[in-house]
Amino acid sequence: MDHHKIGSHFHRSEFACKCGCGFDTVDTQLMPLLEYVRGHFDAPVTINSACRCHAHNLAVGGTPNSQHLYGRAADIAVKGHTPKEVHELLESVMKGWGGIGSYETFTHVDTRTNGPARWKG
């Protein structure tokens, strides 16, 4: 049994803060969304950025109250599919809640409770 596997298709290391501090907490509502995206497109989902400690968030220009700080966000890309396609799928299943950000090369998704929030980067 792989104790580092979370969900059916993801490993905890994919969510860890890129600075190496060890922060790798993932919100329980985020995993089903990511698994849904993976299953819908039947394609690998790359986690570009997920957990961020305060120092790393500052270093990469994240917002002061970024959902990445709480393990509630992931910036993702789906192999063979555009960020627009990913955004449209998330929008169809996240009506009235969470956060979705559209960027040129990735889609941000988060499980914020003070949403919904939608934006283009």
C-alpha atoms as a PDB file:
ATOM      1  CA  MET A   1       0.000   0.000   0.000  1.00  0.00           C
ATOM      2  CA  ASP A   2       1.325   3.416  -0.993  1.00  0.00           C
ATOM      3  CA  HIS A   3       0.840   5.662   2.037  1.00  0.00           C
ATOM      4  CA  HIS A   4       1.760   8.716   0.000  1.00  0.00           C
ATOM      5  CA  LYS A   5      -1.092   8.210  -2.455  1.00  0.00           C
ATOM      6  CA  ILE A   6      -4.139  10.392  -1.897  1.00  0.00           C
ATOM      7  CA  GLY A   7      -7.123   9.806  -4.100  1.00  0.00           C
ATOM      8  CA  SER A   8      -6.919   7.344  -6.948  1.00  0.00           C
ATOM      9  CA  HIS A   9      -4.550   9.292  -9.190  1.00  0.00           C
ATOM     10  CA  PHE A  10      -2.519  11.648  -7.014  1.00  0.00           C
ATOM     11  CA  HIS A  11       0.406  11.505  -4.603  1.00  0.00           C
ATOM     12  CA  ARG A  12       0.829  13.827  -1.627  1.00  0.00           C
ATOM     13  CA  SER A  13       4.205  14.971  -2.992  1.00  0.00           C
ATOM     14  CA  GLU A  14       2.411  16.619  -5.945  1.00  0.00           C
ATOM     15  CA  PHE A  15       0.701  18.999  -3.501  1.00  0.00           C
ATOM     16  CA  ALA A  16       3.734  19.856  -1.341  1.00  0.00           C
ATOM     17  CA  CYS A  17       4.998  23.418  -1.091  1.00  0.00           C
ATOM     18  CA  LYS A  18       7.721  23.898  -3.706  1.00  0.00           C
ATOM     19  CA  CYS A  19      10.110  25.482  -1.183  1.00  0.00           C
ATOM     20  CA  GLY A  20      10.652  22.124   0.520  1.00  0.00           C
ATOM     21  CA  CYS A  21       9.238  23.170   3.910  1.00  0.00           C
ATOM     22  CA  GLY A  22       7.072  20.038   4.080  1.00  0.00           C
ATOM     23  CA  PHE A  23       3.622  21.707   3.997  1.00  0.00           C
ATOM     24  CA  ASP A  24       1.450  19.255   2.076  1.00  0.00           C
ATOM     25  CA  THR A  25      -2.025  19.371   3.628  1.00  0.00           C
ATOM     26  CA  VAL A  26      -4.814  18.900   1.087  1.00  0.00           C
ATOM     27  CA  ASP A  27      -8.422  19.916   1.717  1.00  0.00           C
ATOM     28  CA  THR A  28     -10.818  16.968   1.616  1.00  0.00           C
ATOM     29  CA  GLN A  29     -13.163  18.809  -0.786  1.00  0.00           C
ATOM     30  CA  LEU A  30     -10.368  19.502  -3.264  1.00  0.00           C
ATOM     31  CA  MET A  31      -9.473  15.852  -3.931  1.00  0.00           C
ATOM     32  CA  PRO A  32     -12.899  14.807  -5.298  1.00  0.00           C
ATOM     33  CA  LEU A  33     -12.844  17.806  -7.670  1.00  0.00           C
ATOM     34  CA  LEU A  34      -9.428  16.862  -8.996  1.00  0.00           C
ATOM     35  CA  GLU A  35     -10.426  13.209  -9.344  1.00  0.00           C
ATOM     36  CA  TYR A  36     -13.553  14.312 -11.209  1.00  0.00           C
ATOM     37  CA  VAL A  37     -11.476  16.378 -13.646  1.00  0.00           C
ATOM     38  CA  ARG A  38      -9.099  13.428 -14.139  1.00  0.00           C
ATOM     39  CA  GLY A  39     -11.981  11.025 -14.794  1.00  0.00           C
ATOM     40  CA  HIS A  40     -13.963  13.370 -17.029  1.00  0.00           C
ATOM     41  CA  PHE A  41     -11.064  14.013 -19.383  1.00  0.00           C
ATOM     42  CA  ASP A  42      -9.522  10.552 -18.871  1.00  0.00           C
ATOM     43  CA  ALA A  43      -6.159  12.315 -18.947  1.00  0.00           C
ATOM     44  CA  PRO A  44      -3.364  13.063 -16.475  1.00  0.00           C
ATOM     45  CA  VAL A  45      -3.758  16.184 -14.341  1.00  0.00           C
ATOM     46  CA  THR A  46      -0.564  18.063 -13.522  1.00  0.00           C
ATOM     47  CA  ILE A  47      -0.509  19.979 -10.241  1.00  0.00           C
ATOM     48  CA  ASN A  48       1.588  23.071 -11.011  1.00  0.00           C
ATOM     49  CA  SER A  49       1.146  24.564  -7.543  1.00  0.00           C
ATOM     50  CA  ALA A  50      -0.913  23.540  -4.536  1.00  0.00           C
ATOM     51  CA  CYS A  51       0.214  24.076  -0.937  1.00  0.00           C
ATOM     52  CA  ARG A  52       2.249  27.180  -0.236  1.00  0.00           C
ATOM     53  CA  CYS A  53       3.760  28.317   3.031  1.00  0.00           C
ATOM     54  CA  HIS A  54       3.606  32.081   3.662  1.00  0.00           C
ATOM     55  CA  ALA A  55       7.224  32.645   2.561  1.00  0.00           C
ATOM     56  CA  HIS A  56       6.824  30.734  -0.710  1.00  0.00           C
ATOM     57  CA  ASN A  57       3.472  32.385  -1.434  1.00  0.00           C
ATOM     58  CA  LEU A  58       5.130  35.783  -1.023  1.00  0.00           C
ATOM     59  CA  ALA A  59       8.059  34.712  -3.210  1.00  0.00           C
ATOM     60  CA  VAL A  60       5.793  33.679  -6.095  1.00  0.00           C
ATOM     61  CA  GLY A  61       3.569  36.758  -5.848  1.00  0.00           C
ATOM     62  CA  GLY A  62       0.528  35.014  -4.385  1.00  0.00           C
ATOM     63  CA  THR A  63      -2.217  37.071  -2.780  1.00  0.00           C
ATOM     64  CA  PRO A  64      -1.961  37.583   1.007  1.00  0.00           C
ATOM     65  CA  ASN A  65      -5.011  35.408   1.731  1.00  0.00           C
ATOM     66  CA  SER A  66      -4.419  32.878  -1.036  1.00  0.00           C
ATOM     67  CA  GLN A  67      -6.300  29.600  -0.691  1.00  0.00           C
ATOM     68  CA  HIS A  68      -2.947  27.911  -1.432  1.00  0.00           C
ATOM     69  CA  LEU A  69      -1.924  28.878   2.117  1.00  0.00           C
ATOM     70  CA  TYR A  70      -4.646  26.627   3.513  1.00  0.00           C
ATOM     71  CA  GLY A  71      -4.182  23.601   1.247  1.00  0.00           C
ATOM     72  CA  ARG A  72      -7.482  24.435  -0.445  1.00  0.00           C
ATOM     73  CA  ALA A  73      -6.191  25.323  -3.923  1.00  0.00           C
ATOM     74  CA  ALA A  74      -4.444  23.802  -6.903  1.00  0.00           C
ATOM     75  CA  ASP A  75      -3.234  25.253 -10.169  1.00  0.00           C
ATOM     76  CA  ILE A  76      -3.741  22.487 -12.700  1.00  0.00           C
ATOM     77  CA  ALA A  77      -3.201  21.551 -16.328  1.00  0.00           C
ATOM     78  CA  VAL A  78      -4.830  18.580 -18.054  1.00  0.00           C
ATOM     79  CA  LYS A  79      -2.843  16.765 -20.734  1.00  0.00           C
ATOM     80  CA  GLY A  80      -4.369  17.290 -24.164  1.00  0.00           C
ATOM     81  CA  HIS A  81      -6.942  19.845 -22.991  1.00  0.00           C
ATOM     82  CA  THR A  82      -6.931  23.623 -22.835  1.00  0.00           C
ATOM     83  CA  PRO A  83      -7.292  25.626 -19.634  1.00  0.00           C
ATOM     84  CA  LYS A  84     -10.549  26.937 -21.117  1.00  0.00           C
ATOM     85  CA  GLU A  85     -11.940  23.382 -21.329  1.00  0.00           C
ATOM     86  CA  VAL A  86     -10.895  22.715 -17.729  1.00  0.00           C
ATOM     87  CA  HIS A  87     -12.453  25.999 -16.594  1.00  0.00           C
ATOM     88  CA  GLU A  88     -15.732  25.177 -18.326  1.00  0.00           C
ATOM     89  CA  LEU A  89     -15.892  21.748 -16.698  1.00  0.00           C
ATOM     90  CA  LEU A  90     -15.190  23.167 -13.231  1.00  0.00           C
ATOM     91  CA  GLU A  91     -17.766  25.914 -13.758  1.00  0.00           C
ATOM     92  CA  SER A  92     -20.380  23.273 -14.592  1.00  0.00           C
ATOM     93  CA  VAL A  93     -19.831  21.381 -11.321  1.00  0.00           C
ATOM     94  CA  MET A  94     -19.019  24.299  -8.978  1.00  0.00           C
ATOM     95  CA  LYS A  95     -22.121  26.429  -9.401  1.00  0.00           C
ATOM     96  CA  GLY A  96     -22.264  29.013  -6.643  1.00  0.00           C
ATOM     97  CA  TRP A  97     -19.203  27.972  -4.613  1.00  0.00           C
ATOM     98  CA  GLY A  98     -15.411  27.799  -4.581  1.00  0.00           C
ATOM     99  CA  GLY A  99     -12.891  29.641  -6.687  1.00  0.00           C
ATOM    100  CA  ILE A 100     -11.948  29.246 -10.340  1.00  0.00           C
ATOM    101  CA  GLY A 101      -9.248  31.290 -12.011  1.00  0.00           C
ATOM    102  CA  SER A 102      -8.537  31.191 -15.740  1.00  0.00           C
ATOM    103  CA  TYR A 103      -4.950  31.638 -16.866  1.00  0.00           C
ATOM    104  CA  GLU A 104      -3.204  31.167 -20.198  1.00  0.00           C
ATOM    105  CA  THR A 105      -1.427  27.923 -19.265  1.00  0.00           C
ATOM    106  CA  PHE A 106      -3.368  26.570 -16.266  1.00  0.00           C
ATOM    107  CA  THR A 107      -6.612  26.697 -14.301  1.00  0.00           C
ATOM    108  CA  HIS A 108      -6.810  27.574 -10.597  1.00  0.00           C
ATOM    109  CA  VAL A 109      -9.402  25.719  -8.537  1.00  0.00           C
ATOM    110  CA  ASP A 110     -10.091  26.138  -4.834  1.00  0.00           C
ATOM    111  CA  THR A 111     -12.616  25.170  -2.186  1.00  0.00           C
ATOM    112  CA  ARG A 112     -12.984  28.544  -0.450  1.00  0.00           C
ATOM    113  CA  THR A 113     -16.062  28.986   1.706  1.00  0.00           C
ATOM    114  CA  ASN A 114     -16.309  32.746   1.104  1.00  0.00           C
ATOM    115  CA  GLY A 115     -17.073  32.270  -2.598  1.00  0.00           C
ATOM    116  CA  PRO A 116     -17.937  31.987  -5.242  1.00  0.00           C
ATOM    117  CA  ALA A 117     -14.952  33.746  -6.786  1.00  0.00           C
ATOM    118  CA  ARG A 118     -14.167  33.810 -10.495  1.00  0.00           C
ATOM    119  CA  TRP A 119     -11.345  35.652 -12.263  1.00  0.00           C
ATOM    120  CA  LYS A 120      -8.963  35.745 -15.214  1.00  0.00           C
ATOM    121  CA  GLY A 121      -5.220  36.045 -14.599  1.00  0.00           C
END
